[in-house]
C-alpha atoms as a PDB file:
ATOM      1  CA  MET A   1     294.815  29.755  61.023  1.00  0.00           C
ATOM      2  CA  GLU A   2     296.972  32.657  59.884  1.00  0.00           C
ATOM      3  CA  ARG A   3     296.453  35.740  61.992  1.00  0.00           C
ATOM      4  CA  LYS A   4     294.581  38.541  60.243  1.00  0.00           C
ATOM      5  CA  LEU A   5     296.234  41.738  61.402  1.00  0.00           C
ATOM      6  CA  ALA A   6     293.952  43.785  59.134  1.00  0.00           C
ATOM      7  CA  SER A   7     290.604  42.545  57.907  1.00  0.00           C
ATOM      8  CA  ILE A   8     287.149  43.608  56.757  1.00  0.00           C
ATOM      9  CA  GLN A   9     284.764  43.183  59.694  1.00  0.00           C
ATOM     10  CA  SER A  10     281.290  44.185  60.837  1.00  0.00           C
ATOM     11  CA  VAL A  11     280.638  46.475  63.799  1.00  0.00           C
ATOM     12  CA  VAL A  12     278.676  44.383  66.310  1.00  0.00           C
ATOM     13  CA  SER A  13     277.564  47.120  68.699  1.00  0.00           C
ATOM     14  CA  VAL A  14     278.019  50.783  69.625  1.00  0.00           C
ATOM     15  CA  GLU A  15     277.775  52.091  73.199  1.00  0.00           C
ATOM     16  CA  PRO A  16     278.336  55.498  74.821  1.00  0.00           C
ATOM     17  CA  ILE A  17     281.193  56.178  77.215  1.00  0.00           C
ATOM     18  CA  GLU A  18     280.073  58.019  80.310  1.00  0.00           C
ATOM     19  CA  GLY A  19     281.378  61.582  80.329  1.00  0.00           C
ATOM     20  CA  ALA A  20     282.843  61.337  76.803  1.00  0.00           C
ATOM     21  CA  ASP A  21     281.524  63.630  74.049  1.00  0.00           C
ATOM     22  CA  ARG A  22     283.811  62.682  71.164  1.00  0.00           C
ATOM     23  CA  ILE A  23     284.407  58.960  71.542  1.00  0.00           C
ATOM     24  CA  GLU A  24     282.323  55.837  72.094  1.00  0.00           C
ATOM     25  CA  LYS A  25     282.792  52.102  72.560  1.00  0.00           C
ATOM     26  CA  ILE A  26     282.297  49.703  69.694  1.00  0.00           C
ATOM     27  CA  GLN A  27     282.659  45.939  69.369  1.00  0.00           C
ATOM     28  CA  VAL A  28     284.285  44.186  66.413  1.00  0.00           C
ATOM     29  CA  LEU A  29     284.346  40.371  66.549  1.00  0.00           C
ATOM     30  CA  GLY A  30     285.032  39.798  70.265  1.00  0.00           C
ATOM     31  CA  TRP A  31     287.169  42.919  70.628  1.00  0.00           C
ATOM     32  CA  ARG A  32     286.143  46.082  72.522  1.00  0.00           C
ATOM     33  CA  LEU A  33     287.634  49.323  71.269  1.00  0.00           C
ATOM     34  CA  VAL A  34     287.157  53.065  71.226  1.00  0.00           C
ATOM     35  CA  ALA A  35     286.153  54.912  68.067  1.00  0.00           C
ATOM     36  CA  LYS A  36     285.277  58.477  67.125  1.00  0.00           C
ATOM     37  CA  LYS A  37     281.670  59.211  68.001  1.00  0.00           C
ATOM     38  CA  GLY A  38     279.333  58.834  65.044  1.00  0.00           C
ATOM     39  CA  ASP A  39     281.814  57.023  62.790  1.00  0.00           C
ATOM     40  CA  PHE A  40     280.012  53.679  62.983  1.00  0.00           C
ATOM     41  CA  ARG A  41     276.603  52.147  63.438  1.00  0.00           C
ATOM     42  CA  PRO A  42     275.886  48.481  64.247  1.00  0.00           C
ATOM     43  CA  GLY A  43     276.225  46.444  61.070  1.00  0.00           C
ATOM     44  CA  ASP A  44     278.627  48.840  59.333  1.00  0.00           C
ATOM     45  CA  LEU A  45     281.666  47.320  57.692  1.00  0.00           C
ATOM     46  CA  CYS A  46     285.080  48.620  58.698  1.00  0.00           C
ATOM     47  CA  VAL A  47     288.751  47.816  58.364  1.00  0.00           C
ATOM     48  CA  TYR A  48     289.795  46.378  61.706  1.00  0.00           C
ATOM     49  CA  PHE A  49     293.471  46.412  62.759  1.00  0.00           C
ATOM     50  CA  GLU A  50     294.388  44.042  65.591  1.00  0.00           C
ATOM     51  CA  ILE A  51     296.742  44.920  68.419  1.00  0.00           C
ATOM     52  CA  ASP A  52     300.380  44.195  67.515  1.00  0.00           C
ATOM     53  CA  SER A  53     299.777  45.633  64.032  1.00  0.00           C
ATOM     54  CA  LEU A  54     302.420  47.948  62.573  1.00  0.00           C
ATOM     55  CA  LEU A  55     300.732  50.199  60.051  1.00  0.00           C
ATOM     56  CA  PRO A  56     302.538  51.679  57.052  1.00  0.00           C
ATOM     57  CA  GLU A  57     303.751  55.260  57.176  1.00  0.00           C
ATOM     58  CA  CYS A  58     301.260  57.016  54.927  1.00  0.00           C
ATOM     59  CA  PRO A  59     298.882  59.988  55.284  1.00  0.00           C
ATOM     60  CA  GLU A  60     295.929  57.786  56.344  1.00  0.00           C
ATOM     61  CA  PHE A  61     297.825  56.692  59.470  1.00  0.00           C
ATOM     62  CA  GLU A  62     299.836  59.831  60.238  1.00  0.00           C
ATOM     63  CA  PHE A  63     297.886  60.283  63.501  1.00  0.00           C
ATOM     64  CA  LEU A  64     299.706  57.189  64.799  1.00  0.00           C
ATOM     65  CA  ARG A  65     303.226  58.563  64.305  1.00  0.00           C
ATOM     66  CA  GLU A  66     303.747  59.335  68.018  1.00  0.00           C
ATOM     67  CA  ARG A  67     302.914  55.698  68.733  1.00  0.00           C
ATOM     68  CA  LYS A  68     305.362  54.611  66.016  1.00  0.00           C
ATOM     69  CA  PHE A  69     302.412  53.329  63.971  1.00  0.00           C
ATOM     70  CA  ARG A  70     301.874  50.453  66.395  1.00  0.00           C
ATOM     71  CA  ILE A  71     298.453  49.340  67.618  1.00  0.00           C
ATOM     72  CA  ARG A  72     298.475  48.295  71.262  1.00  0.00           C
ATOM     73  CA  THR A  73     296.097  47.885  74.204  1.00  0.00           C
ATOM     74  CA  MET A  74     295.069  51.245  75.671  1.00  0.00           C
ATOM     75  CA  LYS A  75     292.623  52.660  78.183  1.00  0.00           C
ATOM     76  CA  MET A  76     290.645  55.777  77.259  1.00  0.00           C
ATOM     77  CA  ARG A  77     288.151  57.391  79.624  1.00  0.00           C
ATOM     78  CA  GLY A  78     288.116  54.157  81.606  1.00  0.00           C
ATOM     79  CA  ALA A  79     287.331  52.021  78.540  1.00  0.00           C
ATOM     80  CA  ILE A  80     289.681  49.305  77.272  1.00  0.00           C
ATOM     81  CA  SER A  81     290.531  49.772  73.599  1.00  0.00           C
ATOM     82  CA  GLN A  82     292.129  46.890  71.713  1.00  0.00           C
ATOM     83  CA  GLY A  83     292.606  47.550  68.050  1.00  0.00           C
ATOM     84  CA  LEU A  84     291.656  50.219  65.555  1.00  0.00           C
ATOM     85  CA  ALA A  85     288.552  50.423  63.366  1.00  0.00           C
ATOM     86  CA  MET A  86     288.534  52.693  60.333  1.00  0.00           C
ATOM     87  CA  PRO A  87     286.077  53.196  57.474  1.00  0.00           C
ATOM     88  CA  LEU A  88     286.483  51.038  54.364  1.00  0.00           C
ATOM     89  CA  SER A  89     287.735  54.125  52.558  1.00  0.00           C
ATOM     90  CA  VAL A  90     291.090  53.602  54.304  1.00  0.00           C
ATOM     91  CA  VAL A  91     291.686  50.691  51.916  1.00  0.00           C
ATOM     92  CA  THR A  92     290.793  52.647  48.826  1.00  0.00           C
ATOM     93  CA  ASP A  93     292.638  55.782  49.951  1.00  0.00           C
ATOM     94  CA  THR A  94     295.790  53.862  50.856  1.00  0.00           C
ATOM     95  CA  LEU A  95     295.817  52.030  47.530  1.00  0.00           C
ATOM     96  CA  SER A  96     294.362  54.873  45.421  1.00  0.00           C
ATOM     97  CA  ILE A  97     291.803  52.469  43.997  1.00  0.00           C
ATOM     98  CA  THR A  98     288.045  51.895  44.293  1.00  0.00           C
ATOM     99  CA  LEU A  99     286.727  49.121  46.512  1.00  0.00           C
ATOM    100  CA  ASP A 100     285.037  47.363  43.578  1.00  0.00           C
ATOM    101  CA  GLU A 101     288.390  47.133  41.814  1.00  0.00           C
ATOM    102  CA  ILE A 102     289.863  45.101  44.682  1.00  0.00           C
ATOM    103  CA  ALA A 103     288.972  41.443  44.282  1.00  0.00           C
ATOM    104  CA  ASP A 104     290.230  38.086  45.448  1.00  0.00           C
ATOM    105  CA  GLU A 105     291.747  35.434  43.195  1.00  0.00           C
ATOM    106  CA  ASN A 106     288.252  34.416  42.039  1.00  0.00           C
ATOM    107  CA  GLY A 107     287.295  37.967  41.099  1.00  0.00           C
ATOM    108  CA  VAL A 108     284.974  38.483  44.085  1.00  0.00           C
ATOM    109  CA  PRO A 109     285.124  42.006  45.613  1.00  0.00           C
ATOM    110  CA  LEU A 110     286.246  42.355  49.225  1.00  0.00           C
ATOM    111  CA  GLN A 111     283.670  41.316  51.815  1.00  0.00           C
ATOM    112  CA  GLU A 112     283.325  40.715  55.552  1.00  0.00           C
ATOM    113  CA  GLY A 113     286.065  38.485  56.953  1.00  0.00           C
ATOM    114  CA  ASP A 114     288.547  39.100  54.142  1.00  0.00           C
ATOM    115  CA  ASP A 115     292.171  39.549  55.125  1.00  0.00           C
ATOM    116  CA  VAL A 116     293.707  42.813  53.861  1.00  0.00           C
ATOM    117  CA  THR A 117     296.938  42.659  55.868  1.00  0.00           C
ATOM    118  CA  GLU A 118     299.241  42.371  52.850  1.00  0.00           C
ATOM    119  CA  LEU A 119     297.039  44.550  50.682  1.00  0.00           C
ATOM    120  CA  ILE A 120     297.465  47.540  53.006  1.00  0.00           C
ATOM    121  CA  GLY A 121     301.050  46.682  53.966  1.00  0.00           C
ATOM    122  CA  VAL A 122     300.496  45.917  57.652  1.00  0.00           C
ATOM    123  CA  LYS A 123     303.263  44.085  59.519  1.00  0.00           C
ATOM    124  CA  LYS A 124     303.307  42.343  62.897  1.00  0.00           C
ATOM    125  CA  TYR A 125     305.134  44.118  65.708  1.00  0.00           C
ATOM    126  CA  GLU A 126     308.042  42.045  66.960  1.00  0.00           C
ATOM    127  CA  PRO A 127     309.864  43.191  70.118  1.00  0.00           C
ATOM    128  CA  PRO A 128     313.628  43.695  69.825  1.00  0.00           C
ATOM    129  CA  ILE A 129     315.568  40.455  70.208  1.00  0.00           C
ATOM    130  CA  PRO A 130     317.902  40.490  73.249  1.00  0.00           C
ATOM    131  CA  MET A 131     321.547  39.637  72.606  1.00  0.00           C
ATOM    132  CA  ASN A 132     321.261  36.352  74.518  1.00  0.00           C
ATOM    133  CA  LEU A 133     318.524  35.215  72.126  1.00  0.00           C
ATOM    134  CA  SER A 134     320.050  36.372  68.870  1.00  0.00           C
ATOM    135  CA  GLY A 135     322.368  34.186  66.877  1.00  0.00           C
ATOM    136  CA  GLU A 136     323.493  33.147  63.431  1.00  0.00           C
ATOM    137  CA  ILE A 137     320.586  31.934  61.339  1.00  0.00           C
ATOM    138  CA  PHE A 138     320.698  28.414  59.891  1.00  0.00           C
ATOM    139  CA  GLY A 139     317.513  28.907  57.871  1.00  0.00           C
ATOM    140  CA  THR A 140     313.825  29.766  58.094  1.00  0.00           C
ATOM    141  CA  PHE A 141     311.514  27.907  60.459  1.00  0.00           C
ATOM    142  CA  PRO A 142     310.947  24.407  58.969  1.00  0.00           C
ATOM    143  CA  THR A 143     307.208  24.716  58.328  1.00  0.00           C
ATOM    144  CA  HIS A 144     307.444  21.791  55.877  1.00  0.00           C
ATOM    145  CA  LEU A 145     308.007  19.575  58.929  1.00  0.00           C
ATOM    146  CA  LEU A 146     305.961  21.155  61.716  1.00  0.00           C
ATOM    147  CA  PRO A 147     303.684  24.119  62.531  1.00  0.00           C
ATOM    148  CA  LYS A 148     304.843  27.344  64.122  1.00  0.00           C
ATOM    149  CA  THR A 149     303.685  28.257  67.627  1.00  0.00           C
ATOM    150  CA  ASP A 150     301.036  30.936  67.327  1.00  0.00           C
ATOM    151  CA  GLU A 151     297.680  30.630  69.081  1.00  0.00           C
ATOM    152  CA  GLN A 152     294.703  32.634  67.875  1.00  0.00           C
ATOM    153  CA  ARG A 153     293.239  35.071  70.402  1.00  0.00           C
ATOM    154  CA  LEU A 154     289.677  34.335  71.458  1.00  0.00           C
ATOM    155  CA  GLN A 155     288.500  37.850  70.584  1.00  0.00           C
ATOM    156  CA  SER A 156     289.490  37.270  66.954  1.00  0.00           C
ATOM    157  CA  ALA A 157     287.472  34.054  66.730  1.00  0.00           C
ATOM    158  CA  PRO A 158     284.595  34.243  69.256  1.00  0.00           C
ATOM    159  CA  GLY A 159     282.717  31.568  67.308  1.00  0.00           C
ATOM    160  CA  VAL A 160     285.037  28.956  68.812  1.00  0.00           C
ATOM    161  CA  LEU A 161     283.052  29.189  72.068  1.00  0.00           C
ATOM    162  CA  GLU A 162     280.176  27.443  70.315  1.00  0.00           C
ATOM    163  CA  GLU A 163     282.558  24.614  69.417  1.00  0.00           C
ATOM    164  CA  ILE A 164     283.760  23.961  72.977  1.00  0.00           C
ATOM    165  CA  LYS A 165     280.447  24.369  74.820  1.00  0.00           C
ATOM    166  CA  ASP A 166     279.886  20.588  74.945  1.00  0.00           C
ATOM    167  CA  LYS A 167     283.538  19.599  75.420  1.00  0.00           C
ATOM    168  CA  THR A 168     285.828  19.200  78.402  1.00  0.00           C
ATOM    169  CA  VAL A 169     288.754  21.591  78.073  1.00  0.00           C
ATOM    170  CA  TYR A 170     292.010  22.066  79.896  1.00  0.00           C
ATOM    171  CA  VAL A 171     293.461  25.459  80.710  1.00  0.00           C
ATOM    172  CA  THR A 172     297.176  26.150  81.055  1.00  0.00           C
ATOM    173  CA  ALA A 173     299.088  29.297  81.911  1.00  0.00           C
ATOM    174  CA  LYS A 174     300.399  31.346  79.002  1.00  0.00           C
ATOM    175  CA  MET A 175     303.971  32.036  80.014  1.00  0.00           C
ATOM    176  CA  ASP A 176     305.551  35.355  79.045  1.00  0.00           C
ATOM    177  CA  GLY A 177     308.846  34.545  77.382  1.00  0.00           C
ATOM    178  CA  THR A 178     309.972  33.666  73.887  1.00  0.00           C
ATOM    179  CA  SER A 179     308.964  30.810  71.616  1.00  0.00           C
ATOM    180  CA  ALA A 180     311.347  27.841  71.372  1.00  0.00           C
ATOM    181  CA  THR A 181     311.099  24.738  69.173  1.00  0.00           C
ATOM    182  CA  TYR A 182     313.390  21.696  69.227  1.00  0.00           C
ATOM    183  CA  TYR A 183     313.011  18.948  66.667  1.00  0.00           C
ATOM    184  CA  LEU A 184     314.594  15.803  65.274  1.00  0.00           C
ATOM    185  CA  GLY A 185     313.831  15.413  61.585  1.00  0.00           C
ATOM    186  CA  PRO A 186     313.380  12.102  59.740  1.00  0.00           C
ATOM    187  CA  ASP A 187     316.843  12.680  58.239  1.00  0.00           C
ATOM    188  CA  GLY A 188     318.388  12.746  61.727  1.00  0.00           C
ATOM    189  CA  HIS A 189     318.936  16.504  61.807  1.00  0.00           C
ATOM    190  CA  PHE A 190     318.458  18.153  65.224  1.00  0.00           C
ATOM    191  CA  GLY A 191     317.223  21.720  65.024  1.00  0.00           C
ATOM    192  CA  VAL A 192     316.724  24.609  67.460  1.00  0.00           C
ATOM    193  CA  CYS A 193     314.306  27.339  66.395  1.00  0.00           C
ATOM    194  CA  SER A 194     312.972  30.672  67.531  1.00  0.00           C
ATOM    195  CA  ARG A 195     309.509  31.701  66.361  1.00  0.00           C
ATOM    196  CA  ASN A 196     310.600  32.425  62.794  1.00  0.00           C
ATOM    197  CA  TRP A 197     314.133  31.062  62.367  1.00  0.00           C
ATOM    198  CA  GLU A 198     316.263  27.988  62.863  1.00  0.00           C
ATOM    199  CA  LEU A 199     319.496  28.899  64.627  1.00  0.00           C
ATOM    200  CA  LYS A 200     323.019  27.580  64.222  1.00  0.00           C
ATOM    201  CA  PRO A 201     324.619  25.990  67.325  1.00  0.00           C
ATOM    202  CA  ASP A 202     325.768  28.741  69.695  1.00  0.00           C
ATOM    203  CA  ASP A 203     326.708  28.303  73.356  1.00  0.00           C
ATOM    204  CA  ALA A 204     325.871  31.966  74.025  1.00  0.00           C
ATOM    205  CA  ASN A 205     322.287  31.588  72.804  1.00  0.00           C
ATOM    206  CA  VAL A 206     319.690  30.855  75.511  1.00  0.00           C
ATOM    207  CA  LEU A 207     317.659  28.494  73.297  1.00  0.00           C
ATOM    208  CA  TRP A 208     320.756  26.368  72.662  1.00  0.00           C
ATOM    209  CA  GLN A 209     321.678  26.579  76.345  1.00  0.00           C
ATOM    210  CA  LEU A 210     318.257  25.155  77.209  1.00  0.00           C
ATOM    211  CA  ALA A 211     318.714  22.381  74.657  1.00  0.00           C
ATOM    212  CA  LYS A 212     321.830  21.311  76.559  1.00  0.00           C
ATOM    213  CA  LYS A 213     320.337  21.918  80.006  1.00  0.00           C
ATOM    214  CA  TYR A 214     317.488  19.495  79.313  1.00  0.00           C
ATOM    215  CA  ASP A 215     319.590  17.243  77.037  1.00  0.00           C
ATOM    216  CA  ILE A 216     316.834  17.503  74.444  1.00  0.00           C
ATOM    217  CA  GLU A 217     318.780  16.147  71.474  1.00  0.00           C
ATOM    218  CA  THR A 218     319.759  12.953  73.326  1.00  0.00           C
ATOM    219  CA  THR A 219     316.184  12.422  74.474  1.00  0.00           C
ATOM    220  CA  LEU A 220     314.693  12.934  71.015  1.00  0.00           C
ATOM    221  CA  ARG A 221     317.215  10.557  69.450  1.00  0.00           C
ATOM    222  CA  ALA A 222     316.443   7.936  72.103  1.00  0.00           C
ATOM    223  CA  MET A 223     312.723   8.246  71.342  1.00  0.00           C
ATOM    224  CA  ALA A 224     313.397   7.845  67.635  1.00  0.00           C
ATOM    225  CA  ASP A 225     315.635   4.808  68.164  1.00  0.00           C
ATOM    226  CA  GLN A 226     313.298   3.066  70.598  1.00  0.00           C
ATOM    227  CA  PHE A 227     309.863   3.896  69.191  1.00  0.00           C
ATOM    228  CA  GLY A 228     310.480   5.293  65.717  1.00  0.00           C
ATOM    229  CA  TYR A 229     309.067   8.705  66.682  1.00  0.00           C
ATOM    230  CA  HIS A 230     310.558  11.829  65.137  1.00  0.00           C
ATOM    231  CA  LEU A 231     309.331  14.489  67.508  1.00  0.00           C
ATOM    232  CA  ALA A 232     309.341  18.216  68.077  1.00  0.00           C
ATOM    233  CA  VAL A 233     308.874  19.853  71.457  1.00  0.00           C
ATOM    234  CA  GLN A 234     307.643  23.429  71.561  1.00  0.00           C
ATOM    235  CA  GLY A 235     307.522  25.722  74.529  1.00  0.00           C
ATOM    236  CA  GLU A 236     308.190  29.093  76.081  1.00  0.00           C
ATOM    237  CA  ALA A 237     311.718  29.958  77.163  1.00  0.00           C
ATOM    238  CA  CYS A 238     311.536  32.162  80.259  1.00  0.00           C
ATOM    239  CA  GLY A 239     313.978  33.683  82.700  1.00  0.00           C
ATOM    240  CA  PRO A 240     316.571  36.444  83.130  1.00  0.00           C
ATOM    241  CA  GLY A 241     316.885  38.739  80.126  1.00  0.00           C
ATOM    242  CA  ILE A 242     313.714  37.460  78.423  1.00  0.00           C
ATOM    243  CA  ALA A 243     310.576  39.652  78.195  1.00  0.00           C
ATOM    244  CA  GLY A 244     311.582  41.477  81.349  1.00  0.00           C
ATOM    245  CA  ASN A 245     311.574  38.201  83.310  1.00  0.00           C
ATOM    246  CA  ARG A 246     308.248  39.245  84.794  1.00  0.00           C
ATOM    247  CA  MET A 247     307.896  35.941  86.652  1.00  0.00           C
ATOM    248  CA  GLN A 248     311.196  36.742  88.408  1.00  0.00           C
ATOM    249  CA  LEU A 249     312.774  33.372  87.638  1.00  0.00           C
ATOM    250  CA  LYS A 250     316.341  32.892  88.857  1.00  0.00           C
ATOM    251  CA  GLU A 251     317.401  30.709  85.930  1.00  0.00           C
ATOM    252  CA  HIS A 252     316.304  30.019  82.379  1.00  0.00           C
ATOM    253  CA  ARG A 253     313.554  27.421  82.076  1.00  0.00           C
ATOM    254  CA  LEU A 254     311.634  25.875  79.223  1.00  0.00           C
ATOM    255  CA  PHE A 255     307.887  25.364  79.712  1.00  0.00           C
ATOM    256  CA  VAL A 256     306.696  22.904  77.067  1.00  0.00           C
ATOM    257  CA  PHE A 257     303.168  23.173  75.668  1.00  0.00           C
ATOM    258  CA  ASN A 258     303.366  21.010  72.506  1.00  0.00           C
ATOM    259  CA  VAL A 259     304.773  17.643  71.566  1.00  0.00           C
ATOM    260  CA  TYR A 260     304.396  17.086  67.836  1.00  0.00           C
ATOM    261  CA  SER A 261     304.890  13.922  65.815  1.00  0.00           C
ATOM    262  CA  ILE A 262     306.627  14.878  62.581  1.00  0.00           C
ATOM    263  CA  ASP A 263     305.979  11.448  61.050  1.00  0.00           C
ATOM    264  CA  ARG A 264     302.227  11.401  61.753  1.00  0.00           C
ATOM    265  CA  ARG A 265     301.801  15.174  61.502  1.00  0.00           C
ATOM    266  CA  GLU A 266     299.789  15.390  64.705  1.00  0.00           C
ATOM    267  CA  TYR A 267     300.079  16.697  68.249  1.00  0.00           C
ATOM    268  CA  TRP A 268     300.323  14.329  71.178  1.00  0.00           C
ATOM    269  CA  ALA A 269     297.344  14.529  73.505  1.00  0.00           C
ATOM    270  CA  PRO A 270     297.788  15.611  77.148  1.00  0.00           C
ATOM    271  CA  GLU A 271     298.146  13.012  79.882  1.00  0.00           C
ATOM    272  CA  PHE A 272     297.154  13.435  83.512  1.00  0.00           C
ATOM    273  CA  ILE A 273     299.037  11.306  86.037  1.00  0.00           C
ATOM    274  CA  GLY A 274     298.869  12.825  89.508  1.00  0.00           C
ATOM    275  CA  SER A 275     299.995  16.384  88.846  1.00  0.00           C
ATOM    276  CA  PHE A 276     299.633  17.527  85.244  1.00  0.00           C
ATOM    277  CA  SER A 277     302.334  17.056  82.660  1.00  0.00           C
ATOM    278  CA  LEU A 278     302.251  16.945  78.909  1.00  0.00           C
ATOM    279  CA  VAL A 279     303.260  13.675  77.304  1.00  0.00           C
ATOM    280  CA  MET A 280     306.898  14.615  77.070  1.00  0.00           C
ATOM    281  CA  PRO A 281     310.126  12.675  76.799  1.00  0.00           C
ATOM    282  CA  GLY A 282     312.837  13.054  79.397  1.00  0.00           C
ATOM    283  CA  ASP A 283     312.731  15.615  82.200  1.00  0.00           C
ATOM    284  CA  LEU A 284     311.144  18.465  80.276  1.00  0.00           C
ATOM    285  CA  GLU A 285     308.639  20.455  82.308  1.00  0.00           C
ATOM    286  CA  GLY A 286     305.187  21.351  81.036  1.00  0.00           C
ATOM    287  CA  VAL A 287     303.334  24.626  81.249  1.00  0.00           C
ATOM    288  CA  PRO A 288     301.380  24.889  84.531  1.00  0.00           C
ATOM    289  CA  LEU A 289     297.907  23.370  84.448  1.00  0.00           C
ATOM    290  CA  LEU A 290     295.314  25.744  85.906  1.00  0.00           C
ATOM    291  CA  ASP A 291     291.981  24.038  85.255  1.00  0.00           C
ATOM    292  CA  ILE A 292     290.167  21.092  83.737  1.00  0.00           C
ATOM    293  CA  LEU A 293     286.670  22.371  82.924  1.00  0.00           C
ATOM    294  CA  VAL A 294     283.648  20.269  82.039  1.00  0.00           C
ATOM    295  CA  PRO A 295     280.999  22.064  79.929  1.00  0.00           C
ATOM    296  CA  GLU A 296     278.941  23.221  82.914  1.00  0.00           C
ATOM    297  CA  GLU A 297     281.966  24.913  84.518  1.00  0.00           C
ATOM    298  CA  GLN A 298     283.189  26.847  81.498  1.00  0.00           C
ATOM    299  CA  PRO A 299     282.866  30.605  81.054  1.00  0.00           C
ATOM    300  CA  LYS A 300     280.245  31.219  78.370  1.00  0.00           C
ATOM    301  CA  THR A 301     281.237  34.564  76.858  1.00  0.00           C
ATOM    302  CA  VAL A 302     284.384  36.353  75.720  1.00  0.00           C
ATOM    303  CA  ASP A 303     284.117  38.736  78.683  1.00  0.00           C
ATOM    304  CA  GLU A 304     283.799  35.842  81.141  1.00  0.00           C
ATOM    305  CA  TRP A 305     286.871  34.172  79.666  1.00  0.00           C
ATOM    306  CA  LEU A 306     288.790  37.453  79.988  1.00  0.00           C
ATOM    307  CA  VAL A 307     287.992  37.467  83.699  1.00  0.00           C
ATOM    308  CA  HIS A 308     289.084  33.818  83.886  1.00  0.00           C
ATOM    309  CA  ALA A 309     292.422  34.810  82.325  1.00  0.00           C
ATOM    310  CA  GLU A 310     293.350  36.976  85.329  1.00  0.00           C
ATOM    311  CA  ARG A 311     295.518  34.259  86.879  1.00  0.00           C
ATOM    312  CA  PHE A 312     298.669  33.849  88.967  1.00  0.00           C
ATOM    313  CA  TYR A 313     301.500  31.315  88.989  1.00  0.00           C
ATOM    314  CA  GLN A 314     303.875  31.108  91.951  1.00  0.00           C
ATOM    315  CA  GLY A 315     302.683  34.491  93.188  1.00  0.00           C
ATOM    316  CA  GLN A 316     303.186  36.276  89.855  1.00  0.00           C
ATOM    317  CA  SER A 317     300.472  37.298  87.400  1.00  0.00           C
ATOM    318  CA  VAL A 318     300.679  35.365  84.144  1.00  0.00           C
ATOM    319  CA  GLU A 319     300.219  36.755  80.654  1.00  0.00           C
ATOM    320  CA  GLY A 320     297.005  34.832  80.198  1.00  0.00           C
ATOM    321  CA  ILE A 321     295.729  31.329  79.501  1.00  0.00           C
ATOM    322  CA  VAL A 322     295.601  28.782  76.691  1.00  0.00           C
ATOM    323  CA  VAL A 323     292.434  26.707  76.285  1.00  0.00           C
ATOM    324  CA  ARG A 324     292.369  23.358  74.488  1.00  0.00           C
ATOM    325  CA  SER A 325     290.010  20.453  74.071  1.00  0.00           C
ATOM    326  CA  MET A 326     291.024  17.361  76.043  1.00  0.00           C
ATOM    327  CA  ARG A 327     290.940  15.499  72.745  1.00  0.00           C
ATOM    328  CA  GLU A 328     292.882  16.746  69.745  1.00  0.00           C
ATOM    329  CA  GLU A 329     290.235  18.111  67.390  1.00  0.00           C
ATOM    330  CA  TYR A 330     289.914  20.258  64.286  1.00  0.00           C
ATOM    331  CA  SER A 331     288.213  23.640  64.636  1.00  0.00           C
ATOM    332  CA  PRO A 332     286.240  24.932  61.622  1.00  0.00           C
ATOM    333  CA  THR A 333     286.292  28.413  63.159  1.00  0.00           C
ATOM    334  CA  LEU A 334     290.072  28.436  63.625  1.00  0.00           C
ATOM    335  CA  GLN A 335     290.696  26.363  60.495  1.00  0.00           C
ATOM    336  CA  GLY A 336     293.150  24.306  62.488  1.00  0.00           C
ATOM    337  CA  ARG A 337     293.712  22.885  65.917  1.00  0.00           C
ATOM    338  CA  LEU A 338     291.006  23.512  68.542  1.00  0.00           C
ATOM    339  CA  SER A 339     293.202  25.702  70.739  1.00  0.00           C
ATOM    340  CA  PHE A 340     293.092  29.406  71.567  1.00  0.00           C
ATOM    341  CA  LYS A 341     294.599  31.926  73.957  1.00  0.00           C
ATOM    342  CA  VAL A 342     293.038  34.546  76.204  1.00  0.00           C
ATOM    343  CA  VAL A 343     295.486  37.277  77.177  1.00  0.00           C
ATOM    344  CA  SER A 344     294.862  39.148  80.418  1.00  0.00           C
ATOM    345  CA  ASN A 345     293.836  42.765  79.836  1.00  0.00           C
ATOM    346  CA  ARG A 346     295.225  43.702  83.248  1.00  0.00           C
ATOM    347  CA  TYR A 347     298.577  42.186  82.310  1.00  0.00           C
ATOM    348  CA  LEU A 348     298.624  44.027  78.965  1.00  0.00           C
ATOM    349  CA  LEU A 349     297.916  47.352  80.626  1.00  0.00           C
ATOM    350  CA  GLU A 350     300.427  46.790  83.433  1.00  0.00           C
ATOM    351  CA  HIS A 351     303.227  46.003  81.032  1.00  0.00           C
ATOM    352  CA  GLY A 352     302.350  48.380  78.214  1.00  0.00           C
ATOM    353  CA  GLU A 353     301.793  45.681  75.583  1.00  0.00           C
END
């Protein structure tokens, strides 16, 4: 499911903030945020901007200039605020058009749930790429062969909790690094990709260094020769010079969270043999397993899952968790794989994300 950085949503609830006269807490989807007092009532529609949104430089958003027009996690009067809610007029004012004149491809006016990211001109914030991760681009990410790595946050799709309530799920640590994909195509081409680009071979690039460290190309070719599988492995590259190396690793490591069959267009299911590892070829290491939860053991609400996301790995706090069904399943809520992430609010506040 494509992430909706800006969308039409309903205000779920409005609550006062103790000691605050001008602001109050509201809930949109599963997100808690701070809004100007009196701007919204429960049931009102708004334009909701998710964290990581970069808003366009225009009069409607001038108040965000000091923050470089970026929406991030904040704390105001002791209340966590994640996102920005504005009246629907922000759409019409930004576009100088009436709401009724804005319609989808079928001529239906905008309504709750509609994505207005492109309409308003919102972009996703991407942190600067360190020199050891940059390189000459071979091409765009090969989405015709395999999906990108981008989990939906639970707060953006709280309905998914209804889907997992009767399922056993496994919970892994969400490592704070940079996305890395390695694949062997049906034509025999071996590719190394960042989140959005395929990169040309470069010994100075960390993603290519990891490909050689784990001998990924040789392993993928051996799997193709022996079993006929054309696979992709996807993971998080972590270590010195990447995302502040907040886990304090002494060397670069790749933590794999997906193995994808290009031929069958499906993910390989997890396998548990002694200690957890994903079904991975060669000596690749999987993301740390934190829990296997049967239905009775699962957190039931978004807030309970946020508490569950306050986890540690090897003495260091992790960015959050990823939750998946033990069986590969389709999620109507996510319109894709039944898999979502819960990012730790404490971690976001500590690291200014």
